[in-house]
Amino acid sequence: FDNKSEVQIIVDLPEGVTLEESAAL
């Protein structure tokens, strides 16, 4: 573990989800 000043969250939604639904989430 490293005490960084940033973190990245990766979200993989189910296939077929629209861009608008992803943006809302």
mmCIF file of all heavy atoms, coordinates in Angstrom:
data_MODEL
# 
_entry.id   MODEL 
# 
loop_
_atom_site.group_PDB 
_atom_site.id 
_atom_site.type_symbol 
_atom_site.label_atom_id 
_atom_site.label_alt_id 
_atom_site.label_comp_id 
_atom_site.label_asym_id 
_atom_site.label_entity_id 
_atom_site.label_seq_id 
_atom_site.pdbx_PDB_ins_code 
_atom_site.Cartn_x 
_atom_site.Cartn_y 
_atom_site.Cartn_z 
_atom_site.occupancy 
_atom_site.B_iso_or_equiv 
_atom_site.pdbx_formal_charge 
_atom_site.auth_seq_id 
_atom_site.auth_comp_id 
_atom_site.auth_asym_id 
_atom_site.auth_atom_id 
_atom_site.pdbx_PDB_model_num 
ATOM 1   N N   . PHE A 1 1  ? 0.847   -1.187 0.000   1.00 0.00 ? 1  PHE A N   1 
ATOM 2   C CA  . PHE A 1 1  ? 0.000   0.000  0.000   1.00 0.00 ? 1  PHE A CA  1 
ATOM 3   C C   . PHE A 1 1  ? 0.884   1.240  0.000   1.00 0.00 ? 1  PHE A C   1 
ATOM 4   O O   . PHE A 1 1  ? 1.895   1.294  0.681   1.00 0.00 ? 1  PHE A O   1 
ATOM 5   C CB  . PHE A 1 1  ? -0.913  0.027  1.228   1.00 0.00 ? 1  PHE A CB  1 
ATOM 6   C CG  . PHE A 1 1  ? -1.969  -1.044 1.202   1.00 0.00 ? 1  PHE A CG  1 
ATOM 7   C CD1 . PHE A 1 1  ? -2.182  -1.845 2.300   1.00 0.00 ? 1  PHE A CD1 1 
ATOM 8   C CD2 . PHE A 1 1  ? -2.758  -1.244 0.081   1.00 0.00 ? 1  PHE A CD2 1 
ATOM 9   C CE1 . PHE A 1 1  ? -3.146  -2.820 2.288   1.00 0.00 ? 1  PHE A CE1 1 
ATOM 10  C CE2 . PHE A 1 1  ? -3.721  -2.220 0.067   1.00 0.00 ? 1  PHE A CE2 1 
ATOM 11  C CZ  . PHE A 1 1  ? -3.924  -3.009 1.164   1.00 0.00 ? 1  PHE A CZ  1 
ATOM 12  N N   . ASP A 1 2  ? 0.483   2.218  -0.770  1.00 0.00 ? 2  ASP A N   1 
ATOM 13  C CA  . ASP A 1 2  ? 1.243   3.452  -0.850  1.00 0.00 ? 2  ASP A CA  1 
ATOM 14  C C   . ASP A 1 2  ? 0.289   4.595  -0.547  1.00 0.00 ? 2  ASP A C   1 
ATOM 15  O O   . ASP A 1 2  ? -0.842  4.606  -1.018  1.00 0.00 ? 2  ASP A O   1 
ATOM 16  C CB  . ASP A 1 2  ? 1.846   3.603  -2.246  1.00 0.00 ? 2  ASP A CB  1 
ATOM 17  C CG  . ASP A 1 2  ? 2.912   4.666  -2.303  1.00 0.00 ? 2  ASP A CG  1 
ATOM 18  O OD1 . ASP A 1 2  ? 3.294   5.169  -1.235  1.00 0.00 ? 2  ASP A OD1 1 
ATOM 19  O OD2 . ASP A 1 2  ? 3.367   4.989  -3.411  1.00 0.00 ? 2  ASP A OD2 1 
ATOM 20  N N   . ASN A 1 3  ? 0.718   5.538  0.212   1.00 0.00 ? 3  ASN A N   1 
ATOM 21  C CA  . ASN A 1 3  ? -0.132  6.659  0.617   1.00 0.00 ? 3  ASN A CA  1 
ATOM 22  C C   . ASN A 1 3  ? -0.107  7.728  -0.471  1.00 0.00 ? 3  ASN A C   1 
ATOM 23  O O   . ASN A 1 3  ? 0.574   8.731  -0.364  1.00 0.00 ? 3  ASN A O   1 
ATOM 24  C CB  . ASN A 1 3  ? 0.351   7.212  1.965   1.00 0.00 ? 3  ASN A CB  1 
ATOM 25  C CG  . ASN A 1 3  ? -0.661  8.136  2.584   1.00 0.00 ? 3  ASN A CG  1 
ATOM 26  O OD1 . ASN A 1 3  ? -1.805  8.223  2.147   1.00 0.00 ? 3  ASN A OD1 1 
ATOM 27  N ND2 . ASN A 1 3  ? -0.243  8.843  3.598   1.00 0.00 ? 3  ASN A ND2 1 
ATOM 28  N N   . LYS A 1 4  ? -0.860  7.486  -1.532  1.00 0.00 ? 4  LYS A N   1 
ATOM 29  C CA  . LYS A 1 4  ? -0.892  8.396  -2.672  1.00 0.00 ? 4  LYS A CA  1 
ATOM 30  C C   . LYS A 1 4  ? -1.891  9.521  -2.417  1.00 0.00 ? 4  LYS A C   1 
ATOM 31  O O   . LYS A 1 4  ? -2.722  9.457  -1.522  1.00 0.00 ? 4  LYS A O   1 
ATOM 32  C CB  . LYS A 1 4  ? -1.316  7.644  -3.942  1.00 0.00 ? 4  LYS A CB  1 
ATOM 33  C CG  . LYS A 1 4  ? -0.331  6.614  -4.395  1.00 0.00 ? 4  LYS A CG  1 
ATOM 34  C CD  . LYS A 1 4  ? 0.836   7.274  -5.033  1.00 0.00 ? 4  LYS A CD  1 
ATOM 35  C CE  . LYS A 1 4  ? 1.762   6.264  -5.668  1.00 0.00 ? 4  LYS A CE  1 
ATOM 36  N NZ  . LYS A 1 4  ? 2.967   6.830  -6.134  1.00 0.00 ? 4  LYS A NZ  1 
ATOM 37  N N   . SER A 1 5  ? -1.802  10.538 -3.268  1.00 0.00 ? 5  SER A N   1 
ATOM 38  C CA  . SER A 1 5  ? -2.739  11.653 -3.165  1.00 0.00 ? 5  SER A CA  1 
ATOM 39  C C   . SER A 1 5  ? -3.894  11.510 -4.139  1.00 0.00 ? 5  SER A C   1 
ATOM 40  O O   . SER A 1 5  ? -4.635  12.454 -4.358  1.00 0.00 ? 5  SER A O   1 
ATOM 41  C CB  . SER A 1 5  ? -2.000  12.968 -3.432  1.00 0.00 ? 5  SER A CB  1 
ATOM 42  O OG  . SER A 1 5  ? -1.060  13.183 -2.415  1.00 0.00 ? 5  SER A OG  1 
ATOM 43  N N   . GLU A 1 6  ? -4.040  10.335 -4.713  1.00 0.00 ? 6  GLU A N   1 
ATOM 44  C CA  . GLU A 1 6  ? -5.127  10.123 -5.666  1.00 0.00 ? 6  GLU A CA  1 
ATOM 45  C C   . GLU A 1 6  ? -5.560  8.666  -5.647  1.00 0.00 ? 6  GLU A C   1 
ATOM 46  O O   . GLU A 1 6  ? -4.834  7.781  -5.208  1.00 0.00 ? 6  GLU A O   1 
ATOM 47  C CB  . GLU A 1 6  ? -4.680  10.498 -7.080  1.00 0.00 ? 6  GLU A CB  1 
ATOM 48  C CG  . GLU A 1 6  ? -3.514  9.673  -7.570  1.00 0.00 ? 6  GLU A CG  1 
ATOM 49  C CD  . GLU A 1 6  ? -3.018  10.109 -8.923  1.00 0.00 ? 6  GLU A CD  1 
ATOM 50  O OE1 . GLU A 1 6  ? -3.080  11.308 -9.234  1.00 0.00 ? 6  GLU A OE1 1 
ATOM 51  O OE2 . GLU A 1 6  ? -2.557  9.243  -9.678  1.00 0.00 ? 6  GLU A OE2 1 
ATOM 52  N N   . VAL A 1 7  ? -6.771  8.443  -6.125  1.00 0.00 ? 7  VAL A N   1 
ATOM 53  C CA  . VAL A 1 7  ? -7.295  7.091  -6.282  1.00 0.00 ? 7  VAL A CA  1 
ATOM 54  C C   . VAL A 1 7  ? -8.195  7.103  -7.522  1.00 0.00 ? 7  VAL A C   1 
ATOM 55  O O   . VAL A 1 7  ? -8.769  8.140  -7.877  1.00 0.00 ? 7  VAL A O   1 
ATOM 56  C CB  . VAL A 1 7  ? -8.064  6.620  -5.020  1.00 0.00 ? 7  VAL A CB  1 
ATOM 57  C CG1 . VAL A 1 7  ? -9.354  7.376  -4.822  1.00 0.00 ? 7  VAL A CG1 1 
ATOM 58  C CG2 . VAL A 1 7  ? -8.335  5.136  -5.068  1.00 0.00 ? 7  VAL A CG2 1 
ATOM 59  N N   . GLN A 1 8  ? -8.274  5.972  -8.178  1.00 0.00 ? 8  GLN A N   1 
ATOM 60  C CA  . GLN A 1 8  ? -9.097  5.872  -9.371  1.00 0.00 ? 8  GLN A CA  1 
ATOM 61  C C   . GLN A 1 8  ? -10.158 4.807  -9.146  1.00 0.00 ? 8  GLN A C   1 
ATOM 62  O O   . GLN A 1 8  ? -9.849  3.698  -8.718  1.00 0.00 ? 8  GLN A O   1 
ATOM 63  C CB  . GLN A 1 8  ? -8.234  5.504  -10.583 1.00 0.00 ? 8  GLN A CB  1 
ATOM 64  C CG  . GLN A 1 8  ? -8.974  5.513  -11.886 1.00 0.00 ? 8  GLN A CG  1 
ATOM 65  C CD  . GLN A 1 8  ? -8.043  5.244  -13.063 1.00 0.00 ? 8  GLN A CD  1 
ATOM 66  O OE1 . GLN A 1 8  ? -6.885  4.899  -12.899 1.00 0.00 ? 8  GLN A OE1 1 
ATOM 67  N NE2 . GLN A 1 8  ? -8.558  5.407  -14.254 1.00 0.00 ? 8  GLN A NE2 1 
ATOM 68  N N   . ILE A 1 9  ? -11.402 5.164  -9.448  1.00 0.00 ? 9  ILE A N   1 
ATOM 69  C CA  . ILE A 1 9  ? -12.507 4.216  -9.345  1.00 0.00 ? 9  ILE A CA  1 
ATOM 70  C C   . ILE A 1 9  ? -12.864 3.788  -10.764 1.00 0.00 ? 9  ILE A C   1 
ATOM 71  O O   . ILE A 1 9  ? -13.113 4.626  -11.635 1.00 0.00 ? 9  ILE A O   1 
ATOM 72  C CB  . ILE A 1 9  ? -13.734 4.842  -8.657  1.00 0.00 ? 9  ILE A CB  1 
ATOM 73  C CG1 . ILE A 1 9  ? -13.381 5.239  -7.221  1.00 0.00 ? 9  ILE A CG1 1 
ATOM 74  C CG2 . ILE A 1 9  ? -14.907 3.869  -8.675  1.00 0.00 ? 9  ILE A CG2 1 
ATOM 75  C CD1 . ILE A 1 9  ? -14.492 5.980  -6.508  1.00 0.00 ? 9  ILE A CD1 1 
ATOM 76  N N   . ILE A 1 10 ? -12.899 2.491  -10.987 1.00 0.00 ? 10 ILE A N   1 
ATOM 77  C CA  . ILE A 1 10 ? -13.232 1.924  -12.288 1.00 0.00 ? 10 ILE A CA  1 
ATOM 78  C C   . ILE A 1 10 ? -14.604 1.276  -12.167 1.00 0.00 ? 10 ILE A C   1 
ATOM 79  O O   . ILE A 1 10 ? -14.812 0.427  -11.307 1.00 0.00 ? 10 ILE A O   1 
ATOM 80  C CB  . ILE A 1 10 ? -12.198 0.847  -12.698 1.00 0.00 ? 10 ILE A CB  1 
ATOM 81  C CG1 . ILE A 1 10 ? -10.788 1.393  -12.662 1.00 0.00 ? 10 ILE A CG1 1 
ATOM 82  C CG2 . ILE A 1 10 ? -12.538 0.247  -14.040 1.00 0.00 ? 10 ILE A CG2 1 
ATOM 83  C CD1 . ILE A 1 10 ? -10.499 2.470  -13.658 1.00 0.00 ? 10 ILE A CD1 1 
ATOM 84  N N   . VAL A 1 11 ? -15.549 1.685  -13.021 1.00 0.00 ? 11 VAL A N   1 
ATOM 85  C CA  . VAL A 1 11 ? -16.903 1.141  -12.987 1.00 0.00 ? 11 VAL A CA  1 
ATOM 86  C C   . VAL A 1 11 ? -17.186 0.483  -14.335 1.00 0.00 ? 11 VAL A C   1 
ATOM 87  O O   . VAL A 1 11 ? -17.074 1.130  -15.375 1.00 0.00 ? 11 VAL A O   1 
ATOM 88  C CB  . VAL A 1 11 ? -17.944 2.248  -12.714 1.00 0.00 ? 11 VAL A CB  1 
ATOM 89  C CG1 . VAL A 1 11 ? -19.339 1.655  -12.637 1.00 0.00 ? 11 VAL A CG1 1 
ATOM 90  C CG2 . VAL A 1 11 ? -17.612 3.001  -11.438 1.00 0.00 ? 11 VAL A CG2 1 
ATOM 91  N N   . ASP A 1 12 ? -17.539 -0.790 -14.293 1.00 0.00 ? 12 ASP A N   1 
ATOM 92  C CA  . ASP A 1 12 ? -17.965 -1.516 -15.491 1.00 0.00 ? 12 ASP A CA  1 
ATOM 93  C C   . ASP A 1 12 ? -19.430 -1.864 -15.312 1.00 0.00 ? 12 ASP A C   1 
ATOM 94  O O   . ASP A 1 12 ? -19.776 -2.763 -14.545 1.00 0.00 ? 12 ASP A O   1 
ATOM 95  C CB  . ASP A 1 12 ? -17.147 -2.794 -15.681 1.00 0.00 ? 12 ASP A CB  1 
ATOM 96  C CG  . ASP A 1 12 ? -15.744 -2.534 -16.150 1.00 0.00 ? 12 ASP A CG  1 
ATOM 97  O OD1 . ASP A 1 12 ? -15.573 -1.654 -17.011 1.00 0.00 ? 12 ASP A OD1 1 
ATOM 98  O OD2 . ASP A 1 12 ? -14.821 -3.204 -15.670 1.00 0.00 ? 12 ASP A OD2 1 
ATOM 99  N N   . LEU A 1 13 ? -20.287 -1.152 -16.007 1.00 0.00 ? 13 LEU A N   1 
ATOM 100 C CA  . LEU A 1 13 ? -21.724 -1.410 -15.951 1.00 0.00 ? 13 LEU A CA  1 
ATOM 101 C C   . LEU A 1 13 ? -22.064 -2.521 -16.950 1.00 0.00 ? 13 LEU A C   1 
ATOM 102 O O   . LEU A 1 13 ? -21.278 -2.811 -17.855 1.00 0.00 ? 13 LEU A O   1 
ATOM 103 C CB  . LEU A 1 13 ? -22.482 -0.127 -16.270 1.00 0.00 ? 13 LEU A CB  1 
ATOM 104 C CG  . LEU A 1 13 ? -22.243 1.005  -15.266 1.00 0.00 ? 13 LEU A CG  1 
ATOM 105 C CD1 . LEU A 1 13 ? -22.769 2.321  -15.791 1.00 0.00 ? 13 LEU A CD1 1 
ATOM 106 C CD2 . LEU A 1 13 ? -22.882 0.666  -13.944 1.00 0.00 ? 13 LEU A CD2 1 
ATOM 107 N N   . PRO A 1 14 ? -23.240 -3.123 -16.817 1.00 0.00 ? 14 PRO A N   1 
ATOM 108 C CA  . PRO A 1 14 ? -23.611 -4.195 -17.753 1.00 0.00 ? 14 PRO A CA  1 
ATOM 109 C C   . PRO A 1 14 ? -23.672 -3.681 -19.196 1.00 0.00 ? 14 PRO A C   1 
ATOM 110 O O   . PRO A 1 14 ? -23.951 -2.508 -19.442 1.00 0.00 ? 14 PRO A O   1 
ATOM 111 C CB  . PRO A 1 14 ? -25.000 -4.624 -17.270 1.00 0.00 ? 14 PRO A CB  1 
ATOM 112 C CG  . PRO A 1 14 ? -25.123 -4.119 -15.884 1.00 0.00 ? 14 PRO A CG  1 
ATOM 113 C CD  . PRO A 1 14 ? -24.250 -2.918 -15.782 1.00 0.00 ? 14 PRO A CD  1 
ATOM 114 N N   . GLU A 1 15 ? -23.408 -4.583 -20.129 1.00 0.00 ? 15 GLU A N   1 
ATOM 115 C CA  . GLU A 1 15 ? -23.515 -4.230 -21.553 1.00 0.00 ? 15 GLU A CA  1 
ATOM 116 C C   . GLU A 1 15 ? -24.928 -3.750 -21.846 1.00 0.00 ? 15 GLU A C   1 
ATOM 117 O O   . GLU A 1 15 ? -25.897 -4.241 -21.286 1.00 0.00 ? 15 GLU A O   1 
ATOM 118 C CB  . GLU A 1 15 ? -23.188 -5.450 -22.427 1.00 0.00 ? 15 GLU A CB  1 
ATOM 119 C CG  . GLU A 1 15 ? -21.752 -5.886 -22.374 1.00 0.00 ? 15 GLU A CG  1 
ATOM 120 C CD  . GLU A 1 15 ? -20.806 -4.911 -23.055 1.00 0.00 ? 15 GLU A CD  1 
ATOM 121 O OE1 . GLU A 1 15 ? -21.212 -4.250 -24.035 1.00 0.00 ? 15 GLU A OE1 1 
ATOM 122 O OE2 . GLU A 1 15 ? -19.666 -4.804 -22.589 1.00 0.00 ? 15 GLU A OE2 1 
ATOM 123 N N   . GLY A 1 16 ? -25.040 -2.776 -22.714 1.00 0.00 ? 16 GLY A N   1 
ATOM 124 C CA  . GLY A 1 16 ? -26.352 -2.260 -23.103 1.00 0.00 ? 16 GLY A CA  1 
ATOM 125 C C   . GLY A 1 16 ? -26.795 -1.042 -22.321 1.00 0.00 ? 16 GLY A C   1 
ATOM 126 O O   . GLY A 1 16 ? -27.814 -0.430 -22.647 1.00 0.00 ? 16 GLY A O   1 
ATOM 127 N N   . VAL A 1 17 ? -26.072 -0.683 -21.272 1.00 0.00 ? 17 VAL A N   1 
ATOM 128 C CA  . VAL A 1 17 ? -26.411 0.517  -20.503 1.00 0.00 ? 17 VAL A CA  1 
ATOM 129 C C   . VAL A 1 17 ? -26.089 1.737  -21.374 1.00 0.00 ? 17 VAL A C   1 
ATOM 130 O O   . VAL A 1 17 ? -25.057 1.791  -22.024 1.00 0.00 ? 17 VAL A O   1 
ATOM 131 C CB  . VAL A 1 17 ? -25.602 0.548  -19.183 1.00 0.00 ? 17 VAL A CB  1 
ATOM 132 C CG1 . VAL A 1 17 ? -25.765 1.869  -18.469 1.00 0.00 ? 17 VAL A CG1 1 
ATOM 133 C CG2 . VAL A 1 17 ? -26.027 -0.590 -18.278 1.00 0.00 ? 17 VAL A CG2 1 
ATOM 134 N N   . THR A 1 18 ? -26.983 2.695  -21.373 1.00 0.00 ? 18 THR A N   1 
ATOM 135 C CA  . THR A 1 18 ? -26.772 3.876  -22.211 1.00 0.00 ? 18 THR A CA  1 
ATOM 136 C C   . THR A 1 18 ? -25.771 4.825  -21.551 1.00 0.00 ? 18 THR A C   1 
ATOM 137 O O   . THR A 1 18 ? -25.522 4.758  -20.351 1.00 0.00 ? 18 THR A O   1 
ATOM 138 C CB  . THR A 1 18 ? -28.092 4.626  -22.444 1.00 0.00 ? 18 THR A CB  1 
ATOM 139 O OG1 . THR A 1 18 ? -28.551 5.136  -21.191 1.00 0.00 ? 18 THR A OG1 1 
ATOM 140 C CG2 . THR A 1 18 ? -29.141 3.728  -23.066 1.00 0.00 ? 18 THR A CG2 1 
ATOM 141 N N   . LEU A 1 19 ? -25.241 5.710  -22.360 1.00 0.00 ? 19 LEU A N   1 
ATOM 142 C CA  . LEU A 1 19 ? -24.298 6.708  -21.871 1.00 0.00 ? 19 LEU A CA  1 
ATOM 143 C C   . LEU A 1 19 ? -24.967 7.610  -20.836 1.00 0.00 ? 19 LEU A C   1 
ATOM 144 O O   . LEU A 1 19 ? -24.344 7.998  -19.841 1.00 0.00 ? 19 LEU A O   1 
ATOM 145 C CB  . LEU A 1 19 ? -23.758 7.528  -23.046 1.00 0.00 ? 19 LEU A CB  1 
ATOM 146 C CG  . LEU A 1 19 ? -22.527 8.354  -22.811 1.00 0.00 ? 19 LEU A CG  1 
ATOM 147 C CD1 . LEU A 1 19 ? -21.358 7.485  -22.386 1.00 0.00 ? 19 LEU A CD1 1 
ATOM 148 C CD2 . LEU A 1 19 ? -22.161 9.133  -24.058 1.00 0.00 ? 19 LEU A CD2 1 
ATOM 149 N N   . GLU A 1 20 ? -26.232 7.918  -21.033 1.00 0.00 ? 20 GLU A N   1 
ATOM 150 C CA  . GLU A 1 20 ? -26.961 8.767  -20.087 1.00 0.00 ? 20 GLU A CA  1 
ATOM 151 C C   . GLU A 1 20 ? -27.119 8.078  -18.737 1.00 0.00 ? 20 GLU A C   1 
ATOM 152 O O   . GLU A 1 20 ? -27.000 8.713  -17.681 1.00 0.00 ? 20 GLU A O   1 
ATOM 153 C CB  . GLU A 1 20 ? -28.347 9.134  -20.651 1.00 0.00 ? 20 GLU A CB  1 
ATOM 154 C CG  . GLU A 1 20 ? -28.302 10.074 -21.831 1.00 0.00 ? 20 GLU A CG  1 
ATOM 155 C CD  . GLU A 1 20 ? -27.939 9.365  -23.147 1.00 0.00 ? 20 GLU A CD  1 
ATOM 156 O OE1 . GLU A 1 20 ? -28.027 8.109  -23.223 1.00 0.00 ? 20 GLU A OE1 1 
ATOM 157 O OE2 . GLU A 1 20 ? -27.534 10.073 -24.083 1.00 0.00 ? 20 GLU A OE2 1 
ATOM 158 N N   . GLU A 1 21 ? -27.394 6.769  -18.738 1.00 0.00 ? 21 GLU A N   1 
ATOM 159 C CA  . GLU A 1 21 ? -27.515 6.029  -17.476 1.00 0.00 ? 21 GLU A CA  1 
ATOM 160 C C   . GLU A 1 21 ? -26.165 5.976  -16.748 1.00 0.00 ? 21 GLU A C   1 
ATOM 161 O O   . GLU A 1 21 ? -26.111 6.120  -15.523 1.00 0.00 ? 21 GLU A O   1 
ATOM 162 C CB  . GLU A 1 21 ? -28.027 4.604  -17.740 1.00 0.00 ? 21 GLU A CB  1 
ATOM 163 C CG  . GLU A 1 21 ? -29.464 4.547  -18.211 1.00 0.00 ? 21 GLU A CG  1 
ATOM 164 C CD  . GLU A 1 21 ? -29.874 3.155  -18.668 1.00 0.00 ? 21 GLU A CD  1 
ATOM 165 O OE1 . GLU A 1 21 ? -29.064 2.480  -19.335 1.00 0.00 ? 21 GLU A OE1 1 
ATOM 166 O OE2 . GLU A 1 21 ? -31.003 2.755  -18.341 1.00 0.00 ? 21 GLU A OE2 1 
ATOM 167 N N   . SER A 1 22 ? -25.100 5.775  -17.503 1.00 0.00 ? 22 SER A N   1 
ATOM 168 C CA  . SER A 1 22 ? -23.762 5.769  -16.908 1.00 0.00 ? 22 SER A CA  1 
ATOM 169 C C   . SER A 1 22 ? -23.437 7.130  -16.308 1.00 0.00 ? 22 SER A C   1 
ATOM 170 O O   . SER A 1 22 ? -22.880 7.227  -15.211 1.00 0.00 ? 22 SER A O   1 
ATOM 171 C CB  . SER A 1 22 ? -22.705 5.403  -17.958 1.00 0.00 ? 22 SER A CB  1 
ATOM 172 O OG  . SER A 1 22 ? -22.921 4.114  -18.455 1.00 0.00 ? 22 SER A OG  1 
ATOM 173 N N   . ALA A 1 23 ? -23.793 8.204  -17.024 1.00 0.00 ? 23 ALA A N   1 
ATOM 174 C CA  . ALA A 1 23 ? -23.538 9.556  -16.528 1.00 0.00 ? 23 ALA A CA  1 
ATOM 175 C C   . ALA A 1 23 ? -24.345 9.828  -15.261 1.00 0.00 ? 23 ALA A C   1 
ATOM 176 O O   . ALA A 1 23 ? -23.847 10.459 -14.326 1.00 0.00 ? 23 ALA A O   1 
ATOM 177 C CB  . ALA A 1 23 ? -23.855 10.585 -17.603 1.00 0.00 ? 23 ALA A CB  1 
ATOM 178 N N   . ALA A 1 24 ? -25.594 9.344  -15.212 1.00 0.00 ? 24 ALA A N   1 
ATOM 179 C CA  . ALA A 1 24 ? -26.428 9.540  -14.025 1.00 0.00 ? 24 ALA A CA  1 
ATOM 180 C C   . ALA A 1 24 ? -25.808 8.830  -12.810 1.00 0.00 ? 24 ALA A C   1 
ATOM 181 O O   . ALA A 1 24 ? -25.764 9.390  -11.706 1.00 0.00 ? 24 ALA A O   1 
ATOM 182 C CB  . ALA A 1 24 ? -27.836 9.023  -14.284 1.00 0.00 ? 24 ALA A CB  1 
ATOM 183 N N   . LEU A 1 25 ? -25.326 7.608  -13.023 1.00 0.00 ? 25 LEU A N   1 
ATOM 184 C CA  . LEU A 1 25 ? -24.679 6.881  -11.928 1.00 0.00 ? 25 LEU A CA  1 
ATOM 185 C C   . LEU A 1 25 ? -23.422 7.612  -11.466 1.00 0.00 ? 25 LEU A C   1 
ATOM 186 O O   . LEU A 1 25 ? -23.177 7.749  -10.262 1.00 0.00 ? 25 LEU A O   1 
ATOM 187 C CB  . LEU A 1 25 ? -24.310 5.461  -12.364 1.00 0.00 ? 25 LEU A CB  1 
ATOM 188 C CG  . LEU A 1 25 ? -23.493 4.678  -11.343 1.00 0.00 ? 25 LEU A CG  1 
ATOM 189 C CD1 . LEU A 1 25 ? -24.354 4.298  -10.141 1.00 0.00 ? 25 LEU A CD1 1 
ATOM 190 C CD2 . LEU A 1 25 ? -22.865 3.467  -11.963 1.00 0.00 ? 25 LEU A CD2 1 
# 
